[in-house]
Amino acid sequence: MQPLREFTLRLERLKASLGVSDDQALAQSLGMTKAALLGKKARGAWPEEEVRALSLRYPELGLDLDWVLTGESQETWKATFTASQKAAEKAAKLARTRSRAAGDERVSQEVGDEDDLSEDERRLVALFRRGADESKAMLLQLAEVMVKE
């Protein structure tokens, strides 16, 4: 997008956020003259310091700087991030499940029938089966660390 067009869109979003309709009122809100604002516009120099100062000085305005600058609200960014994070967690869980299934198959081949287990191994299996899912996960992680060492 062209710089002047983007600058103009930002100004319009800022005006809408502040409830002002003209450059004079916007300039006053930013603590500058209309000439100074128009000078920045002509140079394509966004009044970032003034906008941030206004946001800090009057938090009750609830200025969404992301929306002013990009046209996308902070809530949109949060929703996008949350959705991406959930997708990544789901993919990681699937990968762990597949890895665990492959590991379970190897363990089954190594252990064989439960009749072949020693008394300690049977006790460990029985206790494991009665444990909570979180405890099982921790035990599995511990066992994997023990095998790697």
Protein backbone atom coordinates (compact mmCIF):
# COMPACT_ATOMS: atom_id res chain seq x y z
CA MET A 1 0.00 0.00 0.00
CA GLN A 2 1.19 3.53 -0.74
CA PRO A 3 2.75 5.35 2.24
CA LEU A 4 0.43 8.38 2.03
CA ARG A 5 -2.61 6.12 1.75
CA GLU A 6 -1.49 4.08 4.79
CA PHE A 7 -0.79 7.28 6.75
CA THR A 8 -4.27 8.60 5.89
CA LEU A 9 -5.90 5.32 6.94
CA ARG A 10 -4.07 5.42 10.27
CA LEU A 11 -5.21 9.01 10.83
CA GLU A 12 -8.81 8.05 10.05
CA ARG A 13 -8.68 5.10 12.48
CA LEU A 14 -7.15 7.35 15.15
CA LYS A 15 -9.86 9.96 14.60
CA ALA A 16 -12.53 7.28 14.88
CA SER A 17 -10.95 5.96 18.10
CA LEU A 18 -10.91 9.44 19.61
CA GLY A 19 -14.32 10.43 18.32
CA VAL A 20 -13.00 13.45 16.41
CA SER A 21 -13.71 14.27 12.80
CA ASP A 22 -11.16 16.84 11.67
CA ASP A 23 -7.39 17.33 11.65
CA GLN A 24 -7.59 20.32 13.99
CA ALA A 25 -9.27 18.32 16.77
CA LEU A 26 -6.92 15.40 16.20
CA ALA A 27 -3.86 17.66 16.39
CA GLN A 28 -5.12 19.18 19.64
CA SER A 29 -5.70 15.71 21.08
CA LEU A 30 -2.10 14.86 20.23
CA GLY A 31 -0.80 18.08 21.78
CA MET A 32 0.38 19.59 18.51
CA THR A 33 -0.75 22.20 16.03
CA LYS A 34 -2.67 21.35 12.88
CA ALA A 35 0.32 22.65 10.85
CA ALA A 36 2.68 20.29 12.67
CA LEU A 37 0.33 17.34 12.03
CA LEU A 38 0.00 18.23 8.36
CA GLY A 39 3.78 18.64 8.12
CA LYS A 40 4.24 15.12 9.49
CA LYS A 41 1.64 13.88 7.02
CA ALA A 42 3.47 15.55 4.10
CA ARG A 43 6.74 13.91 5.19
CA GLY A 44 5.09 10.56 5.93
CA ALA A 45 6.36 10.81 9.51
CA TRP A 46 3.78 9.11 11.69
CA PRO A 47 3.35 10.95 15.05
CA GLU A 48 4.17 7.80 17.00
CA GLU A 49 5.49 9.52 20.14
CA GLU A 50 2.44 11.75 20.36
CA VAL A 51 0.02 8.84 19.85
CA ARG A 52 1.77 6.67 22.45
CA ALA A 53 1.90 9.60 24.90
CA LEU A 54 -1.83 10.18 24.41
CA SER A 55 -2.52 6.49 25.05
CA LEU A 56 -0.44 6.55 28.25
CA ARG A 57 -1.81 9.88 29.44
CA TYR A 58 -5.44 8.81 28.99
CA PRO A 59 -5.71 5.03 29.44
CA GLU A 60 -9.46 5.42 29.89
CA LEU A 61 -9.63 6.08 26.14
CA GLY A 62 -8.76 2.43 25.60
CA LEU A 63 -6.83 3.22 22.43
CA ASP A 64 -6.08 0.03 20.55
CA LEU A 65 -2.77 0.97 18.98
CA ASP A 66 -2.68 -2.22 16.94
CA TRP A 67 -5.96 -1.27 15.29
CA VAL A 68 -4.84 2.32 14.70
CA LEU A 69 -1.57 1.20 13.10
CA THR A 70 -2.64 -1.92 11.20
CA GLY A 71 -6.42 -2.00 11.03
CA GLU A 72 -6.45 -5.23 13.05
CA SER A 73 -7.44 -5.12 16.68
CA GLN A 74 -5.43 -6.49 19.55
CA GLU A 75 -8.24 -8.99 20.10
CA THR A 76 -7.78 -10.27 16.54
CA TRP A 77 -4.07 -10.77 17.20
CA LYS A 78 -4.83 -12.57 20.48
CA ALA A 79 -7.40 -14.83 18.80
CA THR A 80 -4.98 -15.66 15.98
CA PHE A 81 -2.17 -16.39 18.44
CA THR A 82 -4.44 -18.53 20.62
CA ALA A 83 -5.67 -20.52 17.61
CA SER A 84 -2.08 -21.06 16.41
CA GLN A 85 -0.99 -22.08 19.88
CA LYS A 86 -3.86 -24.58 20.20
CA ALA A 87 -3.04 -26.06 16.79
CA ALA A 88 0.62 -26.41 17.76
CA GLU A 89 -0.32 -28.08 21.06
CA LYS A 90 -2.65 -30.47 19.24
CA ALA A 91 0.09 -31.37 16.73
CA ALA A 92 2.60 -31.90 19.54
CA LYS A 93 0.16 -34.12 21.41
CA LEU A 94 -0.46 -36.18 18.27
CA ALA A 95 3.30 -36.53 17.73
CA ARG A 96 3.77 -37.64 21.36
CA THR A 97 0.93 -40.14 21.00
CA ARG A 98 2.45 -41.59 17.83
CA SER A 99 5.89 -41.69 19.42
CA ARG A 100 4.49 -43.34 22.53
CA ALA A 101 2.62 -45.90 20.39
CA ALA A 102 5.85 -46.78 18.60
CA GLY A 103 7.59 -46.99 21.97
CA ASP A 104 4.81 -49.17 23.38
CA GLU A 105 5.22 -51.56 20.46
CA ARG A 106 8.98 -51.80 21.11
CA VAL A 107 8.34 -52.35 24.82
CA SER A 108 5.77 -55.06 24.05
CA GLN A 109 8.33 -56.83 21.88
CA GLU A 110 10.98 -56.52 24.59
CA VAL A 111 8.74 -57.57 27.48
CA GLY A 112 6.64 -60.18 25.76
CA ASP A 113 3.87 -61.76 27.80
CA GLU A 114 2.99 -60.41 31.25
CA ASP A 115 3.70 -63.89 32.60
CA ASP A 116 7.37 -63.21 31.85
CA LEU A 117 7.46 -60.22 34.25
CA SER A 118 9.26 -60.34 37.57
CA GLU A 119 7.38 -59.55 40.76
CA ASP A 120 8.78 -55.99 40.81
CA GLU A 121 7.77 -55.45 37.20
CA ARG A 122 4.22 -56.72 37.86
CA ARG A 123 3.94 -54.46 40.91
CA LEU A 124 5.16 -51.50 38.85
CA VAL A 125 2.61 -52.22 36.11
CA ALA A 126 -0.22 -52.59 38.64
CA LEU A 127 0.68 -49.31 40.38
CA PHE A 128 1.06 -47.55 37.03
CA ARG A 129 -2.42 -48.67 35.91
CA ARG A 130 -3.98 -47.27 39.09
CA GLY A 131 -2.21 -43.90 38.78
CA ALA A 132 -3.69 -40.64 37.56
CA ASP A 133 -2.96 -39.62 33.96
CA GLU A 134 -0.64 -36.81 35.08
CA SER A 135 1.32 -39.22 37.27
CA LYS A 136 1.56 -41.72 34.43
CA ALA A 137 2.93 -39.04 32.13
CA MET A 138 5.59 -38.09 34.69
CA LEU A 139 6.57 -41.72 35.22
CA LEU A 140 6.86 -42.28 31.48
CA GLN A 141 9.08 -39.22 31.13
CA LEU A 142 11.25 -40.40 34.01
CA ALA A 143 11.53 -43.87 32.49
CA GLU A 144 12.55 -42.41 29.12
CA VAL A 145 15.25 -40.33 30.83
CA MET A 146 16.50 -43.38 32.70
CA VAL A 147 16.80 -45.36 29.46
CA LYS A 148 18.72 -42.56 27.72
CA GLU A 149 21.38 -42.38 30.43
